[in-house]
C-alpha atoms as a PDB file:
ATOM      1  CA  UNK A   1     152.050 250.899  37.814  1.00  0.00           C
ATOM      2  CA  UNK A   2     151.402 253.137  34.773  1.00  0.00           C
ATOM      3  CA  UNK A   3     150.151 251.316  31.719  1.00  0.00           C
ATOM      4  CA  UNK A   4     152.606 250.819  28.872  1.00  0.00           C
ATOM      5  CA  UNK A   5     149.755 251.079  26.377  1.00  0.00           C
ATOM      6  CA  UNK A   6     148.365 254.526  27.218  1.00  0.00           C
ATOM      7  CA  UNK A   7     150.209 257.783  27.897  1.00  0.00           C
ATOM      8  CA  UNK A   8     147.547 258.467  30.537  1.00  0.00           C
ATOM      9  CA  UNK A   9     148.386 255.157  32.173  1.00  0.00           C
ATOM     10  CA  UNK A  10     146.675 254.132  35.392  1.00  0.00           C
ATOM     11  CA  UNK A  11     147.564 257.303  37.233  1.00  0.00           C
ATOM     12  CA  UNK A  12     145.361 258.969  39.868  1.00  0.00           C
ATOM     13  CA  UNK A  13     142.365 260.860  38.466  1.00  0.00           C
ATOM     14  CA  UNK A  14     143.989 264.260  38.938  1.00  0.00           C
ATOM     15  CA  UNK A  15     146.653 263.249  36.392  1.00  0.00           C
ATOM     16  CA  UNK A  16     144.284 261.860  33.746  1.00  0.00           C
ATOM     17  CA  UNK A  17     143.451 265.191  32.167  1.00  0.00           C
ATOM     18  CA  UNK A  18     145.222 265.717  28.842  1.00  0.00           C
ATOM     19  CA  UNK A  19     148.496 267.522  29.411  1.00  0.00           C
ATOM     20  CA  UNK A  20     149.757 269.570  26.468  1.00  0.00           C
ATOM     21  CA  UNK A  21     153.385 270.671  26.460  1.00  0.00           C
ATOM     22  CA  UNK A  22     154.199 273.710  24.306  1.00  0.00           C
ATOM     23  CA  UNK A  23     157.862 273.970  23.336  1.00  0.00           C
ATOM     24  CA  UNK A  24     158.692 277.348  21.831  1.00  0.00           C
ATOM     25  CA  UNK A  25     155.882 279.302  23.485  1.00  0.00           C
ATOM     26  CA  UNK A  26     156.153 282.624  21.683  1.00  0.00           C
ATOM     27  CA  UNK A  27     153.378 284.447  19.874  1.00  0.00           C
ATOM     28  CA  UNK A  28     151.965 281.388  18.098  1.00  0.00           C
ATOM     29  CA  UNK A  29     152.409 279.189  21.157  1.00  0.00           C
ATOM     30  CA  UNK A  30     150.349 281.590  23.255  1.00  0.00           C
ATOM     31  CA  UNK A  31     147.656 281.587  20.573  1.00  0.00           C
ATOM     32  CA  UNK A  32     147.624 277.785  20.669  1.00  0.00           C
ATOM     33  CA  UNK A  33     147.241 277.988  24.447  1.00  0.00           C
ATOM     34  CA  UNK A  34     144.238 280.292  24.051  1.00  0.00           C
ATOM     35  CA  UNK A  35     142.637 277.767  21.688  1.00  0.00           C
ATOM     36  CA  UNK A  36     143.072 274.944  24.199  1.00  0.00           C
ATOM     37  CA  UNK A  37     142.599 276.752  27.518  1.00  0.00           C
ATOM     38  CA  UNK A  38     139.939 275.241  29.747  1.00  0.00           C
ATOM     39  CA  UNK A  39     139.949 271.877  27.979  1.00  0.00           C
ATOM     40  CA  UNK A  40     143.414 270.601  28.906  1.00  0.00           C
ATOM     41  CA  UNK A  41     146.259 271.266  31.297  1.00  0.00           C
ATOM     42  CA  UNK A  42     148.840 273.473  29.582  1.00  0.00           C
ATOM     43  CA  UNK A  43     152.582 273.269  30.176  1.00  0.00           C
ATOM     44  CA  UNK A  44     155.259 275.477  28.611  1.00  0.00           C
ATOM     45  CA  UNK A  45     159.000 274.909  28.418  1.00  0.00           C
ATOM     46  CA  UNK A  46     160.977 278.091  29.043  1.00  0.00           C
ATOM     47  CA  UNK A  47     164.662 278.888  29.454  1.00  0.00           C
ATOM     48  CA  UNK A  48     163.897 282.430  30.649  1.00  0.00           C
ATOM     49  CA  UNK A  49     162.992 283.032  34.325  1.00  0.00           C
ATOM     50  CA  UNK A  50     161.677 286.440  33.258  1.00  0.00           C
ATOM     51  CA  UNK A  51     158.853 284.766  31.285  1.00  0.00           C
ATOM     52  CA  UNK A  52     157.518 282.622  34.114  1.00  0.00           C
ATOM     53  CA  UNK A  53     155.032 285.220  35.357  1.00  0.00           C
ATOM     54  CA  UNK A  54     153.722 285.996  31.886  1.00  0.00           C
ATOM     55  CA  UNK A  55     153.232 282.305  31.092  1.00  0.00           C
ATOM     56  CA  UNK A  56     151.357 281.737  34.351  1.00  0.00           C
ATOM     57  CA  UNK A  57     149.129 284.714  33.554  1.00  0.00           C
ATOM     58  CA  UNK A  58     148.177 283.008  30.281  1.00  0.00           C
ATOM     59  CA  UNK A  59     147.149 279.830  32.063  1.00  0.00           C
ATOM     60  CA  UNK A  60     150.302 277.795  31.399  1.00  0.00           C
ATOM     61  CA  UNK A  61     152.462 275.980  33.935  1.00  0.00           C
ATOM     62  CA  UNK A  62     156.092 276.984  33.224  1.00  0.00           C
ATOM     63  CA  UNK A  63     158.765 274.280  33.167  1.00  0.00           C
ATOM     64  CA  UNK A  64     162.402 275.361  33.361  1.00  0.00           C
ATOM     65  CA  UNK A  65     164.516 273.842  30.605  1.00  0.00           C
ATOM     66  CA  UNK A  66     166.773 274.805  27.729  1.00  0.00           C
ATOM     67  CA  UNK A  67     166.844 273.041  24.355  1.00  0.00           C
ATOM     68  CA  UNK A  68     170.489 274.079  24.042  1.00  0.00           C
ATOM     69  CA  UNK A  69     171.281 272.244  27.317  1.00  0.00           C
ATOM     70  CA  UNK A  70     169.876 268.724  26.874  1.00  0.00           C
ATOM     71  CA  UNK A  71     170.513 267.705  30.498  1.00  0.00           C
ATOM     72  CA  UNK A  72     167.888 270.239  31.617  1.00  0.00           C
ATOM     73  CA  UNK A  73     165.156 268.439  29.649  1.00  0.00           C
ATOM     74  CA  UNK A  74     165.018 265.141  31.558  1.00  0.00           C
ATOM     75  CA  UNK A  75     161.963 266.243  33.549  1.00  0.00           C
ATOM     76  CA  UNK A  76     159.914 266.344  30.332  1.00  0.00           C
ATOM     77  CA  UNK A  77     159.981 262.550  30.023  1.00  0.00           C
ATOM     78  CA  UNK A  78     156.516 261.032  30.423  1.00  0.00           C
ATOM     79  CA  UNK A  79     155.047 264.363  31.536  1.00  0.00           C
ATOM     80  CA  UNK A  80     152.826 265.361  28.601  1.00  0.00           C
ATOM     81  CA  UNK A  81     150.213 263.364  26.720  1.00  0.00           C
ATOM     82  CA  UNK A  82     150.674 265.556  23.612  1.00  0.00           C
ATOM     83  CA  UNK A  83     153.451 267.922  22.547  1.00  0.00           C
ATOM     84  CA  UNK A  84     153.547 271.046  20.368  1.00  0.00           C
ATOM     85  CA  UNK A  85     157.039 271.807  19.047  1.00  0.00           C
ATOM     86  CA  UNK A  86     157.332 275.386  17.755  1.00  0.00           C
ATOM     87  CA  UNK A  87     160.959 276.131  18.676  1.00  0.00           C
ATOM     88  CA  UNK A  88     163.174 277.242  15.773  1.00  0.00           C
ATOM     89  CA  UNK A  89     166.560 275.645  15.148  1.00  0.00           C
ATOM     90  CA  UNK A  90     169.667 277.581  16.198  1.00  0.00           C
ATOM     91  CA  UNK A  91     171.297 279.589  13.431  1.00  0.00           C
ATOM     92  CA  UNK A  92     174.824 279.691  14.830  1.00  0.00           C
ATOM     93  CA  UNK A  93     175.763 276.017  15.201  1.00  0.00           C
ATOM     94  CA  UNK A  94     177.829 273.665  13.103  1.00  0.00           C
ATOM     95  CA  UNK A  95     177.061 271.757  11.024  1.00  0.00           C
ATOM     96  CA  UNK A  96     174.771 274.468   9.657  1.00  0.00           C
ATOM     97  CA  UNK A  97     172.172 271.987   8.337  1.00  0.00           C
ATOM     98  CA  UNK A  98     171.481 270.264  11.678  1.00  0.00           C
ATOM     99  CA  UNK A  99     168.830 271.055  14.296  1.00  0.00           C
ATOM    100  CA  UNK A 100     170.250 269.891  17.644  1.00  0.00           C
ATOM    101  CA  UNK A 101     167.303 271.386  19.550  1.00  0.00           C
ATOM    102  CA  UNK A 102     164.787 269.005  17.996  1.00  0.00           C
ATOM    103  CA  UNK A 103     167.147 266.080  18.605  1.00  0.00           C
ATOM    104  CA  UNK A 104     167.516 267.065  22.268  1.00  0.00           C
ATOM    105  CA  UNK A 105     163.746 267.360  22.761  1.00  0.00           C
ATOM    106  CA  UNK A 106     162.992 263.999  21.148  1.00  0.00           C
ATOM    107  CA  UNK A 107     165.718 262.288  23.144  1.00  0.00           C
ATOM    108  CA  UNK A 108     164.130 263.567  26.355  1.00  0.00           C
ATOM    109  CA  UNK A 109     160.656 262.417  25.293  1.00  0.00           C
ATOM    110  CA  UNK A 110     162.037 258.895  24.654  1.00  0.00           C
ATOM    111  CA  UNK A 111     163.182 258.423  28.240  1.00  0.00           C
ATOM    112  CA  UNK A 112     159.751 257.322  29.502  1.00  0.00           C
ATOM    113  CA  UNK A 113     156.294 256.693  28.058  1.00  0.00           C
ATOM    114  CA  UNK A 114     156.164 258.882  24.931  1.00  0.00           C
ATOM    115  CA  UNK A 115     153.285 261.257  24.170  1.00  0.00           C
ATOM    116  CA  UNK A 116     150.343 260.107  22.086  1.00  0.00           C
ATOM    117  CA  UNK A 117     150.923 262.870  19.540  1.00  0.00           C
ATOM    118  CA  UNK A 118     153.505 265.452  18.565  1.00  0.00           C
ATOM    119  CA  UNK A 119     152.969 268.409  16.236  1.00  0.00           C
ATOM    120  CA  UNK A 120     156.022 270.056  14.699  1.00  0.00           C
ATOM    121  CA  UNK A 121     155.833 273.398  12.881  1.00  0.00           C
ATOM    122  CA  UNK A 122     158.285 273.343   9.985  1.00  0.00           C
ATOM    123  CA  UNK A 123     158.545 275.720   7.021  1.00  0.00           C
ATOM    124  CA  UNK A 124     157.446 275.623   3.398  1.00  0.00           C
ATOM    125  CA  UNK A 125     161.007 276.727   2.649  1.00  0.00           C
ATOM    126  CA  UNK A 126     161.959 273.015   2.586  1.00  0.00           C
ATOM    127  CA  UNK A 127     160.388 272.835  -0.896  1.00  0.00           C
ATOM    128  CA  UNK A 128     162.952 275.270  -2.283  1.00  0.00           C
ATOM    129  CA  UNK A 129     162.229 277.148  -5.503  1.00  0.00           C
ATOM    130  CA  UNK A 130     159.313 275.598  -7.399  1.00  0.00           C
ATOM    131  CA  UNK A 131     159.114 278.111 -10.235  1.00  0.00           C
ATOM    132  CA  UNK A 132     155.628 279.236  -9.205  1.00  0.00           C
ATOM    133  CA  UNK A 133     154.183 275.702  -9.350  1.00  0.00           C
ATOM    134  CA  UNK A 134     151.297 274.579  -7.170  1.00  0.00           C
ATOM    135  CA  UNK A 135     152.926 272.481  -4.454  1.00  0.00           C
ATOM    136  CA  UNK A 136     151.375 269.570  -2.590  1.00  0.00           C
ATOM    137  CA  UNK A 137     152.840 267.709   0.344  1.00  0.00           C
ATOM    138  CA  UNK A 138     153.949 264.753  -1.785  1.00  0.00           C
ATOM    139  CA  UNK A 139     156.451 266.912  -3.679  1.00  0.00           C
ATOM    140  CA  UNK A 140     160.076 266.069  -2.917  1.00  0.00           C
ATOM    141  CA  UNK A 141     161.794 268.657  -0.784  1.00  0.00           C
ATOM    142  CA  UNK A 142     164.812 270.585  -2.036  1.00  0.00           C
ATOM    143  CA  UNK A 143     165.878 273.053   0.672  1.00  0.00           C
ATOM    144  CA  UNK A 144     168.316 275.624  -0.658  1.00  0.00           C
ATOM    145  CA  UNK A 145     169.049 277.772   2.381  1.00  0.00           C
ATOM    146  CA  UNK A 146     170.709 276.719   5.621  1.00  0.00           C
ATOM    147  CA  UNK A 147     167.594 277.628   7.625  1.00  0.00           C
ATOM    148  CA  UNK A 148     165.440 275.392   5.405  1.00  0.00           C
ATOM    149  CA  UNK A 149     167.999 272.569   5.611  1.00  0.00           C
ATOM    150  CA  UNK A 150     167.826 272.725   9.409  1.00  0.00           C
ATOM    151  CA  UNK A 151     164.062 272.397   9.233  1.00  0.00           C
ATOM    152  CA  UNK A 152     164.385 269.423   6.882  1.00  0.00           C
ATOM    153  CA  UNK A 153     166.737 267.798   9.397  1.00  0.00           C
ATOM    154  CA  UNK A 154     164.157 268.356  12.138  1.00  0.00           C
ATOM    155  CA  UNK A 155     161.423 266.837   9.969  1.00  0.00           C
ATOM    156  CA  UNK A 156     163.495 263.689   9.463  1.00  0.00           C
ATOM    157  CA  UNK A 157     164.084 263.396  13.201  1.00  0.00           C
ATOM    158  CA  UNK A 158     160.381 263.886  13.991  1.00  0.00           C
ATOM    159  CA  UNK A 159     159.340 261.253  11.451  1.00  0.00           C
ATOM    160  CA  UNK A 160     161.837 258.735  12.812  1.00  0.00           C
ATOM    161  CA  UNK A 161     160.704 259.439  16.368  1.00  0.00           C
ATOM    162  CA  UNK A 162     157.080 258.909  15.375  1.00  0.00           C
ATOM    163  CA  UNK A 163     157.758 255.568  13.705  1.00  0.00           C
ATOM    164  CA  UNK A 164     160.146 254.263  16.374  1.00  0.00           C
ATOM    165  CA  UNK A 165     158.096 255.351  19.398  1.00  0.00           C
ATOM    166  CA  UNK A 166     154.623 254.773  17.968  1.00  0.00           C
ATOM    167  CA  UNK A 167     153.743 258.469  18.200  1.00  0.00           C
ATOM    168  CA  UNK A 168     151.386 260.266  15.820  1.00  0.00           C
ATOM    169  CA  UNK A 169     153.869 262.866  14.643  1.00  0.00           C
ATOM    170  CA  UNK A 170     152.330 265.547  12.419  1.00  0.00           C
ATOM    171  CA  UNK A 171     154.514 267.983  10.474  1.00  0.00           C
ATOM    172  CA  UNK A 172     152.954 271.325   9.562  1.00  0.00           C
ATOM    173  CA  UNK A 173     154.763 273.231   6.813  1.00  0.00           C
ATOM    174  CA  UNK A 174     154.168 276.916   7.443  1.00  0.00           C
ATOM    175  CA  UNK A 175     154.710 279.918   5.110  1.00  0.00           C
ATOM    176  CA  UNK A 176     154.813 283.584   6.116  1.00  0.00           C
ATOM    177  CA  UNK A 177     152.885 284.178   9.355  1.00  0.00           C
ATOM    178  CA  UNK A 178     151.038 287.467   9.664  1.00  0.00           C
ATOM    179  CA  UNK A 179     148.541 289.167  11.987  1.00  0.00           C
ATOM    180  CA  UNK A 180     147.885 292.814  12.834  1.00  0.00           C
ATOM    181  CA  UNK A 181     148.329 292.048  16.555  1.00  0.00           C
ATOM    182  CA  UNK A 182     151.634 290.186  16.065  1.00  0.00           C
ATOM    183  CA  UNK A 183     154.945 291.992  16.462  1.00  0.00           C
ATOM    184  CA  UNK A 184     156.252 292.587  12.942  1.00  0.00           C
ATOM    185  CA  UNK A 185     153.198 290.722  11.717  1.00  0.00           C
ATOM    186  CA  UNK A 186     152.284 293.008   8.818  1.00  0.00           C
ATOM    187  CA  UNK A 187     154.250 294.750   6.036  1.00  0.00           C
ATOM    188  CA  UNK A 188     153.534 298.156   7.581  1.00  0.00           C
ATOM    189  CA  UNK A 189     157.037 298.752   8.970  1.00  0.00           C
ATOM    190  CA  UNK A 190     158.684 297.796   5.711  1.00  0.00           C
ATOM    191  CA  UNK A 191     156.296 300.001   3.775  1.00  0.00           C
ATOM    192  CA  UNK A 192     157.173 302.955   5.998  1.00  0.00           C
ATOM    193  CA  UNK A 193     160.845 302.373   5.179  1.00  0.00           C
ATOM    194  CA  UNK A 194     160.093 302.357   1.446  1.00  0.00           C
ATOM    195  CA  UNK A 195     161.887 299.041   0.899  1.00  0.00           C
ATOM    196  CA  UNK A 196     161.548 298.134  -2.799  1.00  0.00           C
ATOM    197  CA  UNK A 197     160.016 294.977  -4.250  1.00  0.00           C
ATOM    198  CA  UNK A 198     160.611 293.183  -7.533  1.00  0.00           C
ATOM    199  CA  UNK A 199     158.972 294.277 -10.772  1.00  0.00           C
ATOM    200  CA  UNK A 200     156.161 291.911 -11.899  1.00  0.00           C
ATOM    201  CA  UNK A 201     158.224 290.034 -14.487  1.00  0.00           C
ATOM    202  CA  UNK A 202     160.880 289.179 -11.878  1.00  0.00           C
ATOM    203  CA  UNK A 203     158.546 288.656  -8.935  1.00  0.00           C
ATOM    204  CA  UNK A 204     157.813 285.432  -7.021  1.00  0.00           C
ATOM    205  CA  UNK A 205     154.699 283.882  -5.521  1.00  0.00           C
ATOM    206  CA  UNK A 206     154.609 283.972  -1.743  1.00  0.00           C
ATOM    207  CA  UNK A 207     152.207 282.271   0.666  1.00  0.00           C
ATOM    208  CA  UNK A 208     150.684 283.292   3.977  1.00  0.00           C
ATOM    209  CA  UNK A 209     148.763 282.130   7.022  1.00  0.00           C
ATOM    210  CA  UNK A 210     147.125 284.257   9.708  1.00  0.00           C
ATOM    211  CA  UNK A 211     148.631 283.521  13.136  1.00  0.00           C
ATOM    212  CA  UNK A 212     145.217 282.667  14.593  1.00  0.00           C
ATOM    213  CA  UNK A 213     144.493 280.151  11.823  1.00  0.00           C
ATOM    214  CA  UNK A 214     147.940 278.623  12.344  1.00  0.00           C
ATOM    215  CA  UNK A 215     147.196 278.206  16.050  1.00  0.00           C
ATOM    216  CA  UNK A 216     143.900 276.527  15.221  1.00  0.00           C
ATOM    217  CA  UNK A 217     145.666 274.197  12.793  1.00  0.00           C
ATOM    218  CA  UNK A 218     148.193 273.217  15.458  1.00  0.00           C
ATOM    219  CA  UNK A 219     145.412 272.496  17.956  1.00  0.00           C
ATOM    220  CA  UNK A 220     143.504 270.425  15.386  1.00  0.00           C
ATOM    221  CA  UNK A 221     146.600 268.432  14.436  1.00  0.00           C
ATOM    222  CA  UNK A 222     147.092 267.333  18.056  1.00  0.00           C
ATOM    223  CA  UNK A 223     144.029 265.099  17.652  1.00  0.00           C
ATOM    224  CA  UNK A 224     143.351 264.880  13.917  1.00  0.00           C
ATOM    225  CA  UNK A 225     146.857 264.759  12.484  1.00  0.00           C
ATOM    226  CA  UNK A 226     147.677 261.458  10.804  1.00  0.00           C
ATOM    227  CA  UNK A 227     150.838 259.569  11.788  1.00  0.00           C
ATOM    228  CA  UNK A 228     153.999 260.983  10.171  1.00  0.00           C
ATOM    229  CA  UNK A 229     151.836 263.114   7.874  1.00  0.00           C
ATOM    230  CA  UNK A 230     152.821 266.469   6.361  1.00  0.00           C
ATOM    231  CA  UNK A 231     150.234 269.248   5.992  1.00  0.00           C
ATOM    232  CA  UNK A 232     150.677 272.613   4.255  1.00  0.00           C
ATOM    233  CA  UNK A 233     149.204 275.246   6.577  1.00  0.00           C
ATOM    234  CA  UNK A 234     148.520 278.095   4.167  1.00  0.00           C
ATOM    235  CA  UNK A 235     145.505 280.190   3.272  1.00  0.00           C
ATOM    236  CA  UNK A 236     143.894 280.467  -0.170  1.00  0.00           C
ATOM    237  CA  UNK A 237     145.898 283.509  -1.269  1.00  0.00           C
ATOM    238  CA  UNK A 238     147.776 283.350  -4.583  1.00  0.00           C
ATOM    239  CA  UNK A 239     149.686 286.618  -4.800  1.00  0.00           C
ATOM    240  CA  UNK A 240     153.133 287.593  -5.884  1.00  0.00           C
ATOM    241  CA  UNK A 241     155.227 289.297  -3.233  1.00  0.00           C
ATOM    242  CA  UNK A 242     154.981 292.748  -4.740  1.00  0.00           C
ATOM    243  CA  UNK A 243     151.192 292.482  -4.994  1.00  0.00           C
ATOM    244  CA  UNK A 244     151.062 291.525  -1.291  1.00  0.00           C
ATOM    245  CA  UNK A 245     152.905 294.710  -0.384  1.00  0.00           C
ATOM    246  CA  UNK A 246     150.753 296.760  -2.765  1.00  0.00           C
ATOM    247  CA  UNK A 247     147.616 295.363  -1.112  1.00  0.00           C
ATOM    248  CA  UNK A 248     148.931 296.178   2.357  1.00  0.00           C
ATOM    249  CA  UNK A 249     149.914 299.688   1.281  1.00  0.00           C
ATOM    250  CA  UNK A 250     146.405 300.306  -0.045  1.00  0.00           C
ATOM    251  CA  UNK A 251     144.863 298.962   3.185  1.00  0.00           C
ATOM    252  CA  UNK A 252     147.037 301.270   5.311  1.00  0.00           C
ATOM    253  CA  UNK A 253     146.794 304.301   3.063  1.00  0.00           C
ATOM    254  CA  UNK A 254     150.545 304.276   2.448  1.00  0.00           C
ATOM    255  CA  UNK A 255     152.503 304.679  -0.795  1.00  0.00           C
ATOM    256  CA  UNK A 256     153.085 301.473  -2.717  1.00  0.00           C
ATOM    257  CA  UNK A 257     156.735 300.320  -2.612  1.00  0.00           C
ATOM    258  CA  UNK A 258     159.018 301.058  -5.562  1.00  0.00           C
ATOM    259  CA  UNK A 259     159.583 298.249  -8.091  1.00  0.00           C
ATOM    260  CA  UNK A 260     163.090 297.247  -9.110  1.00  0.00           C
ATOM    261  CA  UNK A 261     164.744 294.617 -11.287  1.00  0.00           C
ATOM    262  CA  UNK A 262     166.299 291.487  -9.818  1.00  0.00           C
ATOM    263  CA  UNK A 263     169.744 292.830 -10.669  1.00  0.00           C
ATOM    264  CA  UNK A 264     169.009 296.039  -8.750  1.00  0.00           C
ATOM    265  CA  UNK A 265     167.721 293.965  -5.835  1.00  0.00           C
ATOM    266  CA  UNK A 266     171.045 292.119  -5.616  1.00  0.00           C
ATOM    267  CA  UNK A 267     172.784 295.478  -5.261  1.00  0.00           C
ATOM    268  CA  UNK A 268     170.324 297.132  -2.860  1.00  0.00           C
ATOM    269  CA  UNK A 269     168.823 294.497  -0.558  1.00  0.00           C
ATOM    270  CA  UNK A 270     170.233 292.486   2.348  1.00  0.00           C
ATOM    271  CA  UNK A 271     171.043 288.817   1.617  1.00  0.00           C
ATOM    272  CA  UNK A 272     168.337 287.507   3.957  1.00  0.00           C
ATOM    273  CA  UNK A 273     165.621 289.581   2.322  1.00  0.00           C
ATOM    274  CA  UNK A 274     166.949 288.694  -1.105  1.00  0.00           C
ATOM    275  CA  UNK A 275     166.771 284.982  -0.288  1.00  0.00           C
ATOM    276  CA  UNK A 276     162.998 285.220   0.124  1.00  0.00           C
ATOM    277  CA  UNK A 277     162.804 286.692  -3.369  1.00  0.00           C
ATOM    278  CA  UNK A 278     164.567 283.687  -4.891  1.00  0.00           C
ATOM    279  CA  UNK A 279     161.852 281.082  -4.315  1.00  0.00           C
ATOM    280  CA  UNK A 280     158.408 281.002  -5.918  1.00  0.00           C
ATOM    281  CA  UNK A 281     155.620 278.553  -5.101  1.00  0.00           C
ATOM    282  CA  UNK A 282     151.874 278.355  -4.557  1.00  0.00           C
ATOM    283  CA  UNK A 283     150.683 275.962  -1.865  1.00  0.00           C
ATOM    284  CA  UNK A 284     147.957 273.334  -2.073  1.00  0.00           C
ATOM    285  CA  UNK A 285     146.081 273.449   1.254  1.00  0.00           C
ATOM    286  CA  UNK A 286     143.662 270.614   0.524  1.00  0.00           C
ATOM    287  CA  UNK A 287     144.933 268.385   3.337  1.00  0.00           C
ATOM    288  CA  UNK A 288     144.514 271.226   5.821  1.00  0.00           C
ATOM    289  CA  UNK A 289     140.838 271.414   4.987  1.00  0.00           C
ATOM    290  CA  UNK A 290     140.104 267.709   4.437  1.00  0.00           C
ATOM    291  CA  UNK A 291     142.186 265.998   7.096  1.00  0.00           C
ATOM    292  CA  UNK A 292     142.416 268.621   9.844  1.00  0.00           C
ATOM    293  CA  UNK A 293     138.911 269.831   8.935  1.00  0.00           C
ATOM    294  CA  UNK A 294     139.956 273.428   9.404  1.00  0.00           C
ATOM    295  CA  UNK A 295     137.732 276.200   8.123  1.00  0.00           C
ATOM    296  CA  UNK A 296     139.903 279.280   7.742  1.00  0.00           C
ATOM    297  CA  UNK A 297     138.718 282.365   9.563  1.00  0.00           C
ATOM    298  CA  UNK A 298     140.954 284.443   7.307  1.00  0.00           C
ATOM    299  CA  UNK A 299     140.754 282.708   3.889  1.00  0.00           C
ATOM    300  CA  UNK A 300     142.998 285.293   2.203  1.00  0.00           C
ATOM    301  CA  UNK A 301     145.209 288.163   3.252  1.00  0.00           C
ATOM    302  CA  UNK A 302     142.535 290.573   2.047  1.00  0.00           C
ATOM    303  CA  UNK A 303     140.334 289.565   4.994  1.00  0.00           C
ATOM    304  CA  UNK A 304     143.266 289.057   7.350  1.00  0.00           C
ATOM    305  CA  UNK A 305     144.683 292.553   6.974  1.00  0.00           C
END
């Protein structure tokens, strides 16, 4: 019989290799897989039959299942020794502040022996507007947007799951993800459109992490993350949003974007884009370096671009 004390149990030797389940295996998930390949067995949940071949080609074993259809997730119970949860909440469900996908995943993982560790990628948007302050993980959250409220709901569920099931559940709060080899992963497209940014006196601080460094942080947290611990996964950059676009424009040899007032932005920009211009914070990444012992390959966006 499998042991109740170890997720590896007393199974045959072929099953004792660490089995990592990646839920939400998009760009970052595939980067995580590359970090771990050869050391563990990699599994990936997918609701798309069209992705099965591509996942196999990357060294992952595809598992059919849909977070929006909880009954399809039962096979996940007791399957993985560690879980990476990168799937975003749905944006078209009521109530708007809930994340039913995370609830469905955790319910499935409870059905049998739970994993030893779970890493959930949340967003730094849960902090809300901090007026440009330096923000550590102990700061109370104050999510202002529906998307950030859904992430806060997922964080609460992950923490409860960790405490109730005895799982080391690590929550990584992630800012803007960028990488030149990531679709939409640089400001280049926006610069080509000439989309304006705020003038310096109205501008906000924005934070970043290179997709490869994020993947390395996720992999590290699977073993080094402390139980129910939050970690800001951000680089050392302290730039206002307009300066970030100016830097990218200079790197690409493109014109710098026009600067406008906040009032003009309300008239000219889409609500989603405008929402990112309403929150200002700088992130303390000390835990990332001390606890996960991560040395950033791209310490600032200057190197990353």
